[in-house]
């Protein structure tokens, strides 16, 4: 029995399929990260951003070796006091590509005149100054609203006092047209969902409703990463 030759009318379809396959391969190659590519991310903030009481270390672990994460967060710092000690020059000397900026906890009343800020005036002005300095160095500022404290009301819902500073952060980001990560909202939603008992598992130590142990830091870092993928899609390909 003689085999049939493929119809000449079927050949265009074969070429179309082949072209589609080659296009998919090309797209996959474009998404791959070259070993020569490198990105530097700097973190600015308070103790909730620091390496071992905040989300700094687990955030760093979410990226490939192409990414260097430098943590300049300082425990007890506010948007006003962090600048002391020439920290910003150190950040800029590192030549970062992106700088995440998160403050709020120590900007609140009761922290003393050297740290307190008003969300509508001095706090917003501080964020704008940080963003301008970062931009002038050729880096992309990314504003992050402050993670919530784990204080609950009688109904088992988060009772936050950080909303004015979180809202101000979002407003400044919108005004400057820079990426914004709403960690305040995301963390409230998380704790409201899992409740007080499960949330206490995140405590850095007994009774500490602000800082995080390894588990808590990892969960907060995941929230930041989730928001970051939308705010800065280019960084998604550097995630593990």
Protein backbone atom coordinates (compact mmCIF):
# COMPACT_ATOMS: atom_id res chain seq x y z
CA UNK A 1 0.00 0.00 0.00
CA UNK A 2 1.43 3.33 -1.03
CA UNK A 3 1.74 6.02 1.64
CA UNK A 4 0.01 9.28 0.96
CA UNK A 5 2.03 12.44 0.60
CA UNK A 6 0.92 15.31 2.84
CA UNK A 7 -1.48 17.61 1.12
CA UNK A 8 0.06 20.86 -0.02
CA UNK A 9 -2.90 22.56 1.58
CA UNK A 10 -1.87 21.24 5.02
CA UNK A 11 1.63 22.71 4.92
CA UNK A 12 0.68 26.30 5.85
CA UNK A 13 -0.94 24.95 9.01
CA UNK A 14 2.26 23.10 9.94
CA UNK A 15 4.31 26.23 9.46
CA UNK A 16 1.86 28.20 11.60
CA UNK A 17 2.20 25.70 14.46
CA UNK A 18 5.98 25.75 14.16
CA UNK A 19 6.03 29.54 14.20
CA UNK A 20 3.87 29.57 17.34
CA UNK A 21 6.18 27.12 19.11
CA UNK A 22 9.24 29.17 18.21
CA UNK A 23 7.54 32.32 19.45
CA UNK A 24 6.78 30.67 22.80
CA UNK A 25 10.39 29.56 23.14
CA UNK A 26 11.57 33.08 22.40
CA UNK A 27 9.23 34.52 25.04
CA UNK A 28 10.46 32.02 27.63
CA UNK A 29 14.05 32.96 26.87
CA UNK A 30 13.20 36.65 27.27
CA UNK A 31 11.80 35.95 30.76
CA UNK A 32 14.94 34.14 31.88
CA UNK A 33 17.38 36.16 33.96
CA UNK A 34 20.91 36.33 32.66
CA UNK A 35 23.60 35.43 35.17
CA UNK A 36 25.23 38.78 34.40
CA UNK A 37 22.12 40.75 35.43
CA UNK A 38 22.13 42.23 38.90
CA UNK A 39 19.72 44.30 40.96
CA UNK A 40 20.31 46.09 44.25
CA UNK A 41 17.39 46.80 46.57
CA UNK A 42 17.80 48.99 49.65
CA UNK A 43 15.42 48.96 52.63
CA UNK A 44 14.79 52.06 54.74
CA UNK A 45 12.61 51.94 57.83
CA UNK A 46 12.22 51.09 61.51
CA UNK A 47 12.56 47.87 63.53
CA UNK A 48 9.66 46.21 61.71
CA UNK A 49 11.83 46.30 58.58
CA UNK A 50 15.08 45.26 60.28
CA UNK A 51 16.62 41.87 59.61
CA UNK A 52 15.81 39.95 62.79
CA UNK A 53 12.83 41.77 64.29
CA UNK A 54 11.07 42.58 61.03
CA UNK A 55 10.64 41.31 57.47
CA UNK A 56 14.14 42.14 56.18
CA UNK A 57 15.79 38.69 56.13
CA UNK A 58 12.83 36.70 54.72
CA UNK A 59 12.35 39.40 52.08
CA UNK A 60 15.95 38.94 50.99
CA UNK A 61 15.53 35.16 50.83
CA UNK A 62 12.71 35.44 48.30
CA UNK A 63 15.07 36.64 45.56
CA UNK A 64 17.61 34.87 43.37
CA UNK A 65 21.34 35.44 43.72
CA UNK A 66 21.06 38.16 41.07
CA UNK A 67 19.52 40.43 43.70
CA UNK A 68 21.38 42.09 46.54
CA UNK A 69 19.18 43.38 49.37
CA UNK A 70 20.82 45.93 51.67
CA UNK A 71 18.97 46.72 54.89
CA UNK A 72 19.43 50.24 56.27
CA UNK A 73 16.45 50.05 58.64
CA UNK A 74 17.05 51.28 62.19
CA UNK A 75 15.14 50.18 65.28
CA UNK A 76 13.28 53.05 66.91
CA UNK A 77 13.61 55.29 63.87
CA UNK A 78 10.90 57.53 62.51
CA UNK A 79 10.81 59.30 59.17
CA UNK A 80 12.32 62.24 61.04
CA UNK A 81 15.05 60.57 63.11
CA UNK A 82 16.23 57.91 60.63
CA UNK A 83 18.23 60.55 58.79
CA UNK A 84 20.53 61.01 61.81
CA UNK A 85 23.85 59.21 61.48
CA UNK A 86 24.34 59.92 57.77
CA UNK A 87 22.30 56.90 56.74
CA UNK A 88 21.03 58.36 53.48
CA UNK A 89 24.55 58.98 52.11
CA UNK A 90 25.31 55.32 52.84
CA UNK A 91 22.19 54.24 50.94
CA UNK A 92 23.05 56.35 47.92
CA UNK A 93 26.68 55.22 47.91
CA UNK A 94 25.42 51.64 47.51
CA UNK A 95 23.91 52.68 44.14
CA UNK A 96 20.61 50.81 44.59
CA UNK A 97 18.16 50.28 41.76
CA UNK A 98 15.16 50.30 44.10
CA UNK A 99 14.62 51.69 47.60
CA UNK A 100 11.70 50.55 49.76
CA UNK A 101 10.74 53.14 52.39
CA UNK A 102 8.50 52.26 55.37
CA UNK A 103 7.87 54.40 58.45
CA UNK A 104 4.98 55.18 60.79
CA UNK A 105 5.33 53.41 64.15
CA UNK A 106 7.75 55.87 65.69
CA UNK A 107 6.24 58.92 63.98
CA UNK A 108 3.25 58.73 66.31
CA UNK A 109 2.55 60.90 69.37
CA UNK A 110 4.36 59.87 72.54
CA UNK A 111 7.64 59.09 70.79
CA UNK A 112 9.23 62.44 71.65
CA UNK A 113 9.85 65.61 69.62
CA UNK A 114 12.95 64.16 67.96
CA UNK A 115 10.79 61.47 66.31
CA UNK A 116 7.15 62.55 66.17
CA UNK A 117 5.68 63.80 62.90
CA UNK A 118 2.32 65.00 61.66
CA UNK A 119 1.00 62.77 58.87
CA UNK A 120 -0.40 65.66 56.85
CA UNK A 121 2.69 67.86 57.07
CA UNK A 122 6.09 66.78 58.38
CA UNK A 123 5.63 63.06 57.71
CA UNK A 124 4.58 63.63 54.12
CA UNK A 125 7.38 66.14 53.64
CA UNK A 126 9.93 63.62 54.92
CA UNK A 127 8.72 60.96 52.48
CA UNK A 128 8.88 63.41 49.59
CA UNK A 129 12.43 64.33 50.52
CA UNK A 130 13.49 60.68 50.70
CA UNK A 131 11.88 59.98 47.33
CA UNK A 132 13.55 63.00 45.73
CA UNK A 133 16.99 61.97 47.01
CA UNK A 134 16.51 58.41 45.79
CA UNK A 135 15.36 59.60 42.36
CA UNK A 136 18.28 62.01 42.07
CA UNK A 137 20.62 59.03 42.48
CA UNK A 138 18.92 57.22 39.60
CA UNK A 139 17.00 54.76 41.78
CA UNK A 140 13.28 54.01 42.04
CA UNK A 141 11.64 54.84 45.39
CA UNK A 142 8.89 52.48 46.53
CA UNK A 143 6.73 53.71 49.40
CA UNK A 144 5.40 51.14 51.88
CA UNK A 145 2.66 51.82 54.42
CA UNK A 146 3.51 50.69 57.93
CA UNK A 147 2.73 47.14 59.01
CA UNK A 148 0.04 47.06 61.71
CA UNK A 149 0.56 46.24 65.37
CA UNK A 150 -1.19 43.08 66.54
CA UNK A 151 -3.66 44.73 68.90
CA UNK A 152 -7.22 43.44 68.74
CA UNK A 153 -10.57 44.80 69.88
CA UNK A 154 -13.19 42.79 71.78
CA UNK A 155 -14.57 41.47 68.49
CA UNK A 156 -11.24 39.97 67.48
CA UNK A 157 -10.44 42.61 64.88
CA UNK A 158 -7.29 44.71 64.57
CA UNK A 159 -7.41 48.06 66.36
CA UNK A 160 -4.95 50.30 64.53
CA UNK A 161 -3.81 53.86 65.18
CA UNK A 162 -1.51 53.96 62.15
CA UNK A 163 -4.13 54.76 59.52
CA UNK A 164 -3.31 58.51 59.19
CA UNK A 165 0.35 57.70 58.43
CA UNK A 166 -0.59 54.84 56.10
CA UNK A 167 -3.02 57.08 54.21
CA UNK A 168 -0.41 59.82 53.96
CA UNK A 169 2.07 57.32 52.50
CA UNK A 170 -0.42 56.34 49.82
CA UNK A 171 -1.22 59.97 49.04
CA UNK A 172 2.45 60.88 48.64
CA UNK A 173 3.01 57.87 46.37
CA UNK A 174 0.06 58.92 44.20
CA UNK A 175 1.25 62.52 44.08
CA UNK A 176 4.79 61.54 43.11
CA UNK A 177 3.61 58.72 40.83
CA UNK A 178 5.88 56.16 42.47
CA UNK A 179 5.08 52.51 43.34
CA UNK A 180 3.12 51.95 46.55
CA UNK A 181 2.86 48.82 48.72
CA UNK A 182 -0.10 48.87 51.11
CA UNK A 183 1.38 46.68 53.84
CA UNK A 184 -0.82 48.35 56.45
CA UNK A 185 -4.03 47.20 54.77
CA UNK A 186 -2.64 43.81 53.82
CA UNK A 187 -1.44 43.05 57.34
CA UNK A 188 -4.74 44.13 58.90
CA UNK A 189 -6.64 41.87 56.50
CA UNK A 190 -4.36 38.97 57.38
CA UNK A 191 -4.69 39.36 61.16
CA UNK A 192 -8.43 39.92 60.97
CA UNK A 193 -8.68 36.66 59.04
CA UNK A 194 -6.50 34.46 61.26
CA UNK A 195 -7.51 36.08 64.57
CA UNK A 196 -5.73 36.97 67.83
CA UNK A 197 -4.55 33.49 68.84
CA UNK A 198 -2.84 32.67 65.54
CA UNK A 199 -1.43 36.20 65.32
CA UNK A 200 0.32 35.80 68.67
CA UNK A 201 2.43 33.09 67.04
CA UNK A 202 4.22 35.92 65.20
CA UNK A 203 5.46 37.66 68.37
CA UNK A 204 9.19 38.31 68.59
CA UNK A 205 8.86 37.59 72.31
CA UNK A 206 5.98 37.18 74.74
CA UNK A 207 3.83 40.30 74.86
CA UNK A 208 5.58 41.97 71.90
CA UNK A 209 2.76 42.98 69.57
CA UNK A 210 4.95 44.94 67.16
CA UNK A 211 8.01 42.92 66.16
CA UNK A 212 8.22 39.52 64.49
CA UNK A 213 9.84 36.18 65.03
CA UNK A 214 11.07 34.21 62.01
CA UNK A 215 7.60 32.94 61.16
CA UNK A 216 5.95 36.33 61.45
CA UNK A 217 8.68 38.06 59.48
CA UNK A 218 8.30 35.53 56.67
CA UNK A 219 4.55 36.08 56.49
CA UNK A 220 4.99 39.86 56.35
CA UNK A 221 7.67 39.52 53.68
CA UNK A 222 5.24 37.44 51.63
CA UNK A 223 2.70 40.26 51.84
CA UNK A 224 5.32 42.75 50.65
CA UNK A 225 6.37 40.47 47.80
CA UNK A 226 2.76 39.94 46.69
CA UNK A 227 2.20 43.68 46.46
CA UNK A 228 5.62 44.23 44.89
CA UNK A 229 4.80 41.96 41.95
CA UNK A 230 1.98 44.31 41.00
CA UNK A 231 3.73 47.56 41.90
CA UNK A 232 7.02 46.69 40.17
CA UNK A 233 6.39 43.81 37.72
CA UNK A 234 9.99 43.86 36.46
CA UNK A 235 11.17 42.42 39.78
CA UNK A 236 8.93 39.35 39.48
CA UNK A 237 11.43 37.51 37.29
CA UNK A 238 14.05 37.77 40.04
CA UNK A 239 11.90 35.89 42.56
CA UNK A 240 12.67 32.30 43.48
